[in-house]
Amino acid sequence: MSESFLLVHTVEHDTDTYPIEVGEWRNVLTTAKRYGWAPRLQFPDAYTLADGRAVPDEEATAIGHALERALDDMPDHMIDTRSATTLFEKLGGAAKQDTRALAPFLTQSGFTVQRDAA
């Protein structure tokens, strides 16, 4: 079983989570960078430490908007990941739908990255 993270919003005692596999989260961050997101944390790996580090509102929104810009370039159909040669081929089909769902989650507010204890 692959390791998973939870992206967690907590606003006034109301918690909303988005589960994501570590590899998918890394793909999301790489895609966001290609589409204009400039990481603000000094250490790029800080976004994948899952140590409860807060990603502030402005940065979360920037990641979400970068993903929205990337959607048109992602294929609608799934490509076998064993034969996929580019990141965008790996993000096709169901992964594109996941990205479409993740973008608005990110643009709501800042979040923390935590390990999924499940």
Foldseek 3Di string as FASTA:
>chain_A
DAWKKWWWDADPNDIDIDIDGLVLVVLLVVQLVVQPQDDDDPDPCVQRPQPFDKDWLVNLLSSLVSLVVCLVVAAQPADPVVPDDDSSNNCYHPNSVVSVVVSVVSNPTMTTMHTDPD
